[in-house]
Amino acid sequence: MKGFKDFLMRGNVVDLAVAVVIGTAFAAVVTQFTKSFIEPLIKLVGGGGVSGGAFRVNGVPFDWAAFVNVVIYFIIVAAVVYFVVVVPINKLLAMRKHADEPEPEAPSPDVALLTEIRDLLRAQSGGTAGSTSRTPIDPGTL
């Protein structure tokens, strides 16, 4: 019983329950908004009246306004989920990933010494990386 209680009291489970409740309430608000405002506008554009936004073929009604209403509902819910849930989670994961990366270690004394020697040799040779500029040898002096 203790393990089950610990599972239920975990932050993730409680957050999920809150998200489901808020999501359900939000869905009800969006549903009513689209039925109260969007659908009448669509029916008005479709000819107005009771049969606006619909047509009949052989007595069978096709309510295209209801379909457009559901598509708009879906777009609203998808946009809210993306901007309220997905974007913040991605930012949080990126920050957490950045925090988990170890700090670059300071080079060992041997590597630091070799780097310093390399830099001094480059400076003495004119500063060009990888160049092997040497004083030309006169063949007559050999």
N, C-alpha and C. Protein backbone atom coordinates (compact mmCIF):
# COMPACT_ATOMS: atom_id res chain seq x y z
N MET A 1 0.82 -1.19 0.00
CA MET A 1 0.00 0.00 0.00
C MET A 1 0.87 1.26 0.00
N LYS A 2 2.02 1.21 0.70
CA LYS A 2 2.90 2.37 0.76
C LYS A 2 3.45 2.71 -0.62
N GLY A 3 3.83 1.68 -1.38
CA GLY A 3 4.35 1.91 -2.73
C GLY A 3 3.32 2.56 -3.63
N PHE A 4 2.05 2.13 -3.51
CA PHE A 4 0.99 2.72 -4.31
C PHE A 4 0.78 4.18 -3.92
N LYS A 5 0.83 4.45 -2.63
CA LYS A 5 0.68 5.84 -2.14
C LYS A 5 1.83 6.70 -2.67
N ASP A 6 3.05 6.18 -2.61
CA ASP A 6 4.20 6.93 -3.13
C ASP A 6 4.05 7.20 -4.62
N PHE A 7 3.54 6.22 -5.37
CA PHE A 7 3.33 6.38 -6.80
C PHE A 7 2.32 7.49 -7.07
N LEU A 8 1.21 7.49 -6.33
CA LEU A 8 0.18 8.50 -6.53
C LEU A 8 0.64 9.89 -6.13
N MET A 9 1.50 9.98 -5.15
CA MET A 9 1.92 11.29 -4.66
C MET A 9 3.13 11.83 -5.40
N ARG A 10 3.65 11.07 -6.36
CA ARG A 10 4.74 11.57 -7.19
C ARG A 10 4.29 12.81 -7.93
N GLY A 11 5.18 13.71 -8.18
CA GLY A 11 4.83 14.94 -8.88
C GLY A 11 4.27 14.70 -10.26
N ASN A 12 4.80 13.71 -10.98
CA ASN A 12 4.36 13.47 -12.35
C ASN A 12 2.89 13.06 -12.42
N VAL A 13 2.46 12.20 -11.51
CA VAL A 13 1.08 11.72 -11.53
C VAL A 13 0.12 12.85 -11.19
N VAL A 14 0.47 13.64 -10.19
CA VAL A 14 -0.38 14.76 -9.81
C VAL A 14 -0.44 15.79 -10.94
N ASP A 15 0.70 16.08 -11.55
CA ASP A 15 0.73 17.02 -12.68
C ASP A 15 -0.11 16.51 -13.84
N LEU A 16 -0.04 15.21 -14.10
CA LEU A 16 -0.84 14.63 -15.18
C LEU A 16 -2.33 14.75 -14.88
N ALA A 17 -2.72 14.49 -13.65
CA ALA A 17 -4.13 14.60 -13.28
C ALA A 17 -4.62 16.04 -13.45
N VAL A 18 -3.83 16.99 -13.01
CA VAL A 18 -4.19 18.40 -13.16
C VAL A 18 -4.29 18.76 -14.63
N ALA A 19 -3.36 18.28 -15.45
CA ALA A 19 -3.38 18.58 -16.88
C ALA A 19 -4.64 18.01 -17.55
N VAL A 20 -5.07 16.83 -17.15
CA VAL A 20 -6.26 16.23 -17.74
C VAL A 20 -7.49 17.04 -17.37
N VAL A 21 -7.59 17.45 -16.11
CA VAL A 21 -8.75 18.23 -15.67
C VAL A 21 -8.79 19.58 -16.38
N ILE A 22 -7.66 20.27 -16.44
CA ILE A 22 -7.60 21.57 -17.10
C ILE A 22 -7.84 21.41 -18.60
N GLY A 23 -7.29 20.36 -19.20
CA GLY A 23 -7.51 20.11 -20.62
C GLY A 23 -8.97 19.86 -20.94
N THR A 24 -9.65 19.12 -20.08
CA THR A 24 -11.08 18.87 -20.29
C THR A 24 -11.88 20.16 -20.19
N ALA A 25 -11.56 20.97 -19.19
CA ALA A 25 -12.26 22.26 -19.03
C ALA A 25 -11.97 23.17 -20.23
N PHE A 26 -10.73 23.19 -20.68
CA PHE A 26 -10.37 24.02 -21.83
C PHE A 26 -11.11 23.54 -23.08
N ALA A 27 -11.21 22.23 -23.25
CA ALA A 27 -11.93 21.68 -24.41
C ALA A 27 -13.39 22.12 -24.38
N ALA A 28 -14.00 22.16 -23.21
CA ALA A 28 -15.39 22.60 -23.10
C ALA A 28 -15.52 24.08 -23.48
N VAL A 29 -14.55 24.89 -23.06
CA VAL A 29 -14.58 26.32 -23.40
C VAL A 29 -14.44 26.51 -24.91
N VAL A 30 -13.50 25.81 -25.52
CA VAL A 30 -13.30 25.94 -26.96
C VAL A 30 -14.51 25.42 -27.73
N THR A 31 -15.09 24.33 -27.27
CA THR A 31 -16.29 23.79 -27.91
C THR A 31 -17.41 24.82 -27.89
N GLN A 32 -17.66 25.41 -26.74
CA GLN A 32 -18.73 26.40 -26.64
C GLN A 32 -18.42 27.65 -27.47
N PHE A 33 -17.16 28.07 -27.48
CA PHE A 33 -16.76 29.23 -28.28
C PHE A 33 -17.04 28.99 -29.76
N THR A 34 -16.64 27.81 -30.24
CA THR A 34 -16.85 27.54 -31.66
C THR A 34 -18.33 27.39 -31.99
N LYS A 35 -19.11 26.79 -31.07
CA LYS A 35 -20.55 26.65 -31.33
C LYS A 35 -21.27 27.99 -31.25
N SER A 36 -20.82 28.87 -30.33
CA SER A 36 -21.51 30.14 -30.12
C SER A 36 -21.10 31.22 -31.11
N PHE A 37 -19.86 31.22 -31.55
CA PHE A 37 -19.37 32.32 -32.38
C PHE A 37 -18.95 31.88 -33.78
N ILE A 38 -18.15 30.85 -33.87
CA ILE A 38 -17.59 30.45 -35.17
C ILE A 38 -18.67 29.81 -36.05
N GLU A 39 -19.40 28.86 -35.51
CA GLU A 39 -20.41 28.18 -36.32
C GLU A 39 -21.49 29.13 -36.84
N PRO A 40 -22.02 30.08 -36.03
CA PRO A 40 -22.98 31.03 -36.61
C PRO A 40 -22.38 31.88 -37.73
N LEU A 41 -21.11 32.26 -37.58
CA LEU A 41 -20.45 33.02 -38.65
C LEU A 41 -20.35 32.19 -39.92
N ILE A 42 -20.02 30.92 -39.77
CA ILE A 42 -19.91 30.05 -40.95
C ILE A 42 -21.29 29.88 -41.59
N LYS A 43 -22.31 29.69 -40.79
CA LYS A 43 -23.67 29.55 -41.33
C LYS A 43 -24.13 30.85 -42.00
N LEU A 44 -23.72 31.98 -41.43
CA LEU A 44 -24.07 33.26 -42.04
C LEU A 44 -23.43 33.40 -43.42
N VAL A 45 -22.16 33.01 -43.52
CA VAL A 45 -21.46 33.04 -44.80
C VAL A 45 -22.08 32.03 -45.77
N GLY A 46 -22.57 30.92 -45.22
CA GLY A 46 -23.14 29.87 -46.06
C GLY A 46 -24.58 30.12 -46.48
N GLY A 47 -25.13 31.28 -46.20
CA GLY A 47 -26.48 31.58 -46.67
C GLY A 47 -27.43 31.98 -45.55
N GLY A 48 -27.02 31.82 -44.32
CA GLY A 48 -27.85 32.24 -43.20
C GLY A 48 -29.02 31.32 -42.96
N GLY A 49 -29.74 31.59 -41.89
CA GLY A 49 -30.93 30.82 -41.54
C GLY A 49 -30.59 29.47 -40.95
N VAL A 50 -31.63 28.66 -40.79
CA VAL A 50 -31.47 27.34 -40.17
C VAL A 50 -30.65 26.42 -41.06
N SER A 51 -30.84 26.51 -42.36
CA SER A 51 -30.13 25.61 -43.26
C SER A 51 -28.82 26.20 -43.79
N GLY A 52 -28.40 27.33 -43.24
CA GLY A 52 -27.13 27.93 -43.68
C GLY A 52 -25.97 27.03 -43.28
N GLY A 53 -25.02 26.88 -44.16
CA GLY A 53 -23.86 26.04 -43.88
C GLY A 53 -24.14 24.56 -44.11
N ALA A 54 -25.23 24.27 -44.77
CA ALA A 54 -25.57 22.88 -45.05
C ALA A 54 -26.26 22.81 -46.42
N PHE A 55 -26.24 21.64 -47.00
CA PHE A 55 -26.98 21.43 -48.24
C PHE A 55 -27.58 20.03 -48.20
N ARG A 56 -28.53 19.79 -49.05
CA ARG A 56 -29.22 18.50 -49.08
C ARG A 56 -29.06 17.86 -50.46
N VAL A 57 -28.84 16.56 -50.44
CA VAL A 57 -28.79 15.78 -51.66
C VAL A 57 -29.76 14.61 -51.46
N ASN A 58 -30.82 14.59 -52.26
CA ASN A 58 -31.88 13.57 -52.15
C ASN A 58 -32.43 13.49 -50.73
N GLY A 59 -32.60 14.64 -50.09
CA GLY A 59 -33.16 14.70 -48.75
C GLY A 59 -32.19 14.42 -47.63
N VAL A 60 -30.93 14.13 -47.94
CA VAL A 60 -29.92 13.84 -46.92
C VAL A 60 -29.12 15.11 -46.67
N PRO A 61 -29.12 15.59 -45.40
CA PRO A 61 -28.39 16.84 -45.12
C PRO A 61 -26.88 16.61 -45.00
N PHE A 62 -26.12 17.53 -45.55
CA PHE A 62 -24.67 17.56 -45.41
C PHE A 62 -24.33 18.87 -44.71
N ASP A 63 -23.91 18.77 -43.44
CA ASP A 63 -23.66 19.96 -42.63
C ASP A 63 -22.16 20.30 -42.69
N TRP A 64 -21.76 21.01 -43.73
CA TRP A 64 -20.35 21.34 -43.90
C TRP A 64 -19.90 22.37 -42.86
N ALA A 65 -20.80 23.19 -42.34
CA ALA A 65 -20.44 24.18 -41.32
C ALA A 65 -19.98 23.49 -40.05
N ALA A 66 -20.60 22.38 -39.68
CA ALA A 66 -20.19 21.64 -38.49
C ALA A 66 -18.77 21.09 -38.66
N PHE A 67 -18.47 20.62 -39.89
CA PHE A 67 -17.12 20.11 -40.15
C PHE A 67 -16.09 21.21 -40.05
N VAL A 68 -16.36 22.36 -40.65
CA VAL A 68 -15.43 23.49 -40.58
C VAL A 68 -15.26 23.92 -39.12
N ASN A 69 -16.34 23.88 -38.36
CA ASN A 69 -16.31 24.23 -36.95
C ASN A 69 -15.36 23.30 -36.18
N VAL A 70 -15.43 22.01 -36.44
CA VAL A 70 -14.56 21.04 -35.76
C VAL A 70 -13.11 21.23 -36.18
N VAL A 71 -12.86 21.56 -37.43
CA VAL A 71 -11.49 21.81 -37.89
C VAL A 71 -10.90 23.02 -37.16
N ILE A 72 -11.71 24.09 -37.03
CA ILE A 72 -11.25 25.28 -36.31
C ILE A 72 -11.00 24.94 -34.85
N TYR A 73 -11.88 24.15 -34.25
CA TYR A 73 -11.71 23.70 -32.87
C TYR A 73 -10.38 22.96 -32.72
N PHE A 74 -10.11 22.03 -33.64
CA PHE A 74 -8.87 21.27 -33.59
C PHE A 74 -7.65 22.19 -33.69
N ILE A 75 -7.69 23.15 -34.60
CA ILE A 75 -6.55 24.06 -34.78
C ILE A 75 -6.32 24.89 -33.51
N ILE A 76 -7.39 25.35 -32.88
CA ILE A 76 -7.24 26.13 -31.64
C ILE A 76 -6.61 25.28 -30.55
N VAL A 77 -7.13 24.07 -30.36
CA VAL A 77 -6.60 23.19 -29.30
C VAL A 77 -5.15 22.81 -29.60
N ALA A 78 -4.84 22.48 -30.85
CA ALA A 78 -3.47 22.11 -31.21
C ALA A 78 -2.50 23.27 -30.98
N ALA A 79 -2.92 24.49 -31.32
CA ALA A 79 -2.05 25.65 -31.11
C ALA A 79 -1.81 25.89 -29.63
N VAL A 80 -2.85 25.77 -28.83
CA VAL A 80 -2.67 25.99 -27.39
C VAL A 80 -1.77 24.92 -26.79
N VAL A 81 -1.98 23.67 -27.16
CA VAL A 81 -1.14 22.59 -26.63
C VAL A 81 0.31 22.82 -27.05
N TYR A 82 0.53 23.23 -28.29
CA TYR A 82 1.90 23.46 -28.75
C TYR A 82 2.57 24.59 -27.98
N PHE A 83 1.89 25.74 -27.89
CA PHE A 83 2.53 26.90 -27.28
C PHE A 83 2.54 26.87 -25.76
N VAL A 84 1.61 26.14 -25.15
CA VAL A 84 1.55 26.11 -23.68
C VAL A 84 2.27 24.89 -23.11
N VAL A 85 2.34 23.80 -23.87
CA VAL A 85 2.96 22.59 -23.34
C VAL A 85 4.27 22.26 -24.05
N VAL A 86 4.24 22.13 -25.36
CA VAL A 86 5.40 21.62 -26.10
C VAL A 86 6.58 22.59 -26.06
N VAL A 87 6.34 23.86 -26.35
CA VAL A 87 7.45 24.83 -26.37
C VAL A 87 8.12 24.95 -25.00
N PRO A 88 7.35 25.13 -23.89
CA PRO A 88 8.02 25.19 -22.59
C PRO A 88 8.76 23.91 -22.22
N ILE A 89 8.20 22.75 -22.55
CA ILE A 89 8.87 21.48 -22.24
C ILE A 89 10.18 21.37 -23.02
N ASN A 90 10.16 21.75 -24.29
CA ASN A 90 11.39 21.70 -25.09
C ASN A 90 12.46 22.63 -24.51
N LYS A 91 12.05 23.83 -24.08
CA LYS A 91 13.01 24.75 -23.48
C LYS A 91 13.55 24.18 -22.17
N LEU A 92 12.68 23.58 -21.37
CA LEU A 92 13.10 22.98 -20.11
C LEU A 92 14.07 21.84 -20.35
N LEU A 93 13.78 20.97 -21.32
CA LEU A 93 14.68 19.86 -21.63
C LEU A 93 16.02 20.36 -22.16
N ALA A 94 16.01 21.43 -22.96
CA ALA A 94 17.26 21.98 -23.48
C ALA A 94 18.10 22.56 -22.34
N MET A 95 17.43 23.24 -21.40
CA MET A 95 18.17 23.79 -20.26
C MET A 95 18.72 22.67 -19.39
N ARG A 96 17.92 21.62 -19.20
CA ARG A 96 18.36 20.49 -18.37
C ARG A 96 19.52 19.77 -19.05
N LYS A 97 19.45 19.61 -20.38
CA LYS A 97 20.53 18.96 -21.11
C LYS A 97 21.81 19.78 -21.01
N HIS A 98 21.67 21.11 -21.12
CA HIS A 98 22.84 21.99 -21.02
C HIS A 98 23.43 21.92 -19.61
N ALA A 99 22.58 21.82 -18.60
CA ALA A 99 23.06 21.76 -17.22
C ALA A 99 23.74 20.43 -16.94
N ASP A 100 23.33 19.35 -17.63
CA ASP A 100 23.92 18.04 -17.40
C ASP A 100 25.28 17.88 -18.07
N GLU A 101 25.60 18.74 -19.04
CA GLU A 101 26.88 18.63 -19.71
C GLU A 101 28.00 19.01 -18.75
N PRO A 102 29.04 18.18 -18.68
CA PRO A 102 30.13 18.50 -17.77
C PRO A 102 30.92 19.71 -18.26
N GLU A 103 31.42 20.44 -17.34
CA GLU A 103 32.27 21.58 -17.68
C GLU A 103 33.55 21.04 -18.30
N PRO A 104 34.08 21.73 -19.30
CA PRO A 104 35.33 21.25 -19.89
C PRO A 104 36.45 21.31 -18.85
N GLU A 105 37.18 20.21 -18.80
CA GLU A 105 38.25 20.12 -17.81
C GLU A 105 39.44 20.95 -18.28
N ALA A 106 40.16 21.47 -17.30
CA ALA A 106 41.38 22.20 -17.62
C ALA A 106 42.40 21.19 -18.13
N PRO A 107 43.19 21.58 -19.11
CA PRO A 107 44.17 20.62 -19.64
C PRO A 107 45.19 20.28 -18.57
N SER A 108 45.73 19.07 -18.69
CA SER A 108 46.75 18.64 -17.75
C SER A 108 47.99 19.52 -17.94
N PRO A 109 48.86 19.56 -16.94
CA PRO A 109 50.07 20.40 -17.06
C PRO A 109 50.92 20.03 -18.28
N ASP A 110 50.97 18.74 -18.62
CA ASP A 110 51.75 18.32 -19.79
C ASP A 110 51.17 18.91 -21.07
N VAL A 111 49.84 18.84 -21.20
CA VAL A 111 49.19 19.35 -22.40
C VAL A 111 49.34 20.87 -22.46
N ALA A 112 49.20 21.53 -21.32
CA ALA A 112 49.36 22.99 -21.29
C ALA A 112 50.78 23.38 -21.71
N LEU A 113 51.78 22.65 -21.24
CA LEU A 113 53.17 22.94 -21.60
C LEU A 113 53.41 22.71 -23.09
N LEU A 114 52.89 21.61 -23.62
CA LEU A 114 53.05 21.33 -25.04
C LEU A 114 52.34 22.39 -25.90
N THR A 115 51.18 22.84 -25.45
CA THR A 115 50.45 23.88 -26.18
C THR A 115 51.26 25.17 -26.18
N GLU A 116 51.84 25.50 -25.05
CA GLU A 116 52.66 26.72 -24.95
C GLU A 116 53.88 26.63 -25.86
N ILE A 117 54.53 25.46 -25.90
CA ILE A 117 55.69 25.27 -26.77
C ILE A 117 55.27 25.41 -28.23
N ARG A 118 54.13 24.81 -28.59
CA ARG A 118 53.64 24.91 -29.97
C ARG A 118 53.39 26.37 -30.35
N ASP A 119 52.73 27.10 -29.44
CA ASP A 119 52.44 28.51 -29.73
C ASP A 119 53.73 29.33 -29.88
N LEU A 120 54.74 29.06 -29.05
CA LEU A 120 56.02 29.77 -29.15
C LEU A 120 56.72 29.44 -30.48
N LEU A 121 56.68 28.18 -30.88
CA LEU A 121 57.30 27.80 -32.15
C LEU A 121 56.59 28.47 -33.32
N ARG A 122 55.28 28.56 -33.26
CA ARG A 122 54.53 29.25 -34.32
C ARG A 122 54.89 30.73 -34.36
N ALA A 123 55.02 31.33 -33.20
CA ALA A 123 55.35 32.75 -33.15
C ALA A 123 56.75 32.99 -33.72
N GLN A 124 57.69 32.10 -33.45
CA GLN A 124 59.05 32.26 -33.95
C GLN A 124 59.13 32.02 -35.45
N SER A 125 58.25 31.16 -35.96
CA SER A 125 58.33 30.84 -37.38
C SER A 125 57.49 31.78 -38.24
N GLY A 126 56.97 32.82 -37.67
CA GLY A 126 56.23 33.79 -38.46
C GLY A 126 54.74 33.72 -38.25
N GLY A 127 54.28 32.84 -37.39
CA GLY A 127 52.88 32.81 -37.04
C GLY A 127 51.99 32.02 -37.96
N THR A 128 52.52 31.40 -39.01
CA THR A 128 51.66 30.64 -39.90
C THR A 128 51.56 29.22 -39.38
N ALA A 129 50.33 28.78 -39.25
CA ALA A 129 50.11 27.44 -38.70
C ALA A 129 50.54 26.40 -39.72
N GLY A 130 51.25 25.43 -39.25
CA GLY A 130 51.63 24.31 -40.09
C GLY A 130 52.72 24.62 -41.09
N SER A 131 53.29 25.81 -41.06
CA SER A 131 54.33 26.12 -42.04
C SER A 131 55.67 25.60 -41.53
N THR A 132 56.49 25.20 -42.44
CA THR A 132 57.82 24.71 -42.09
C THR A 132 58.84 25.62 -42.73
N SER A 133 58.70 26.92 -42.47
CA SER A 133 59.62 27.87 -43.10
C SER A 133 60.98 27.76 -42.42
N ARG A 134 61.96 27.51 -43.23
CA ARG A 134 63.33 27.40 -42.73
C ARG A 134 64.21 28.32 -43.56
N THR A 135 65.35 28.56 -43.06
CA THR A 135 66.29 29.37 -43.80
C THR A 135 66.78 28.53 -44.97
N PRO A 136 66.74 29.11 -46.15
CA PRO A 136 67.19 28.34 -47.31
C PRO A 136 68.67 28.02 -47.20
N ILE A 137 69.01 26.84 -47.62
CA ILE A 137 70.40 26.39 -47.56
C ILE A 137 71.03 26.64 -48.93
N ASP A 138 72.20 27.26 -48.89
CA ASP A 138 72.93 27.53 -50.12
C ASP A 138 73.69 26.25 -50.49
N PRO A 139 73.42 25.70 -51.67
CA PRO A 139 74.09 24.45 -52.04
C PRO A 139 75.62 24.59 -52.12
N GLY A 140 76.12 25.79 -52.30
CA GLY A 140 77.57 25.97 -52.41
C GLY A 140 78.26 25.86 -51.07
N THR A 141 77.52 25.98 -49.98
CA THR A 141 78.15 25.92 -48.66
C THR A 141 78.26 24.49 -48.15
N LEU A 142 77.67 23.57 -48.84
CA LEU A 142 77.72 22.18 -48.37
C LEU A 142 78.99 21.55 -48.70
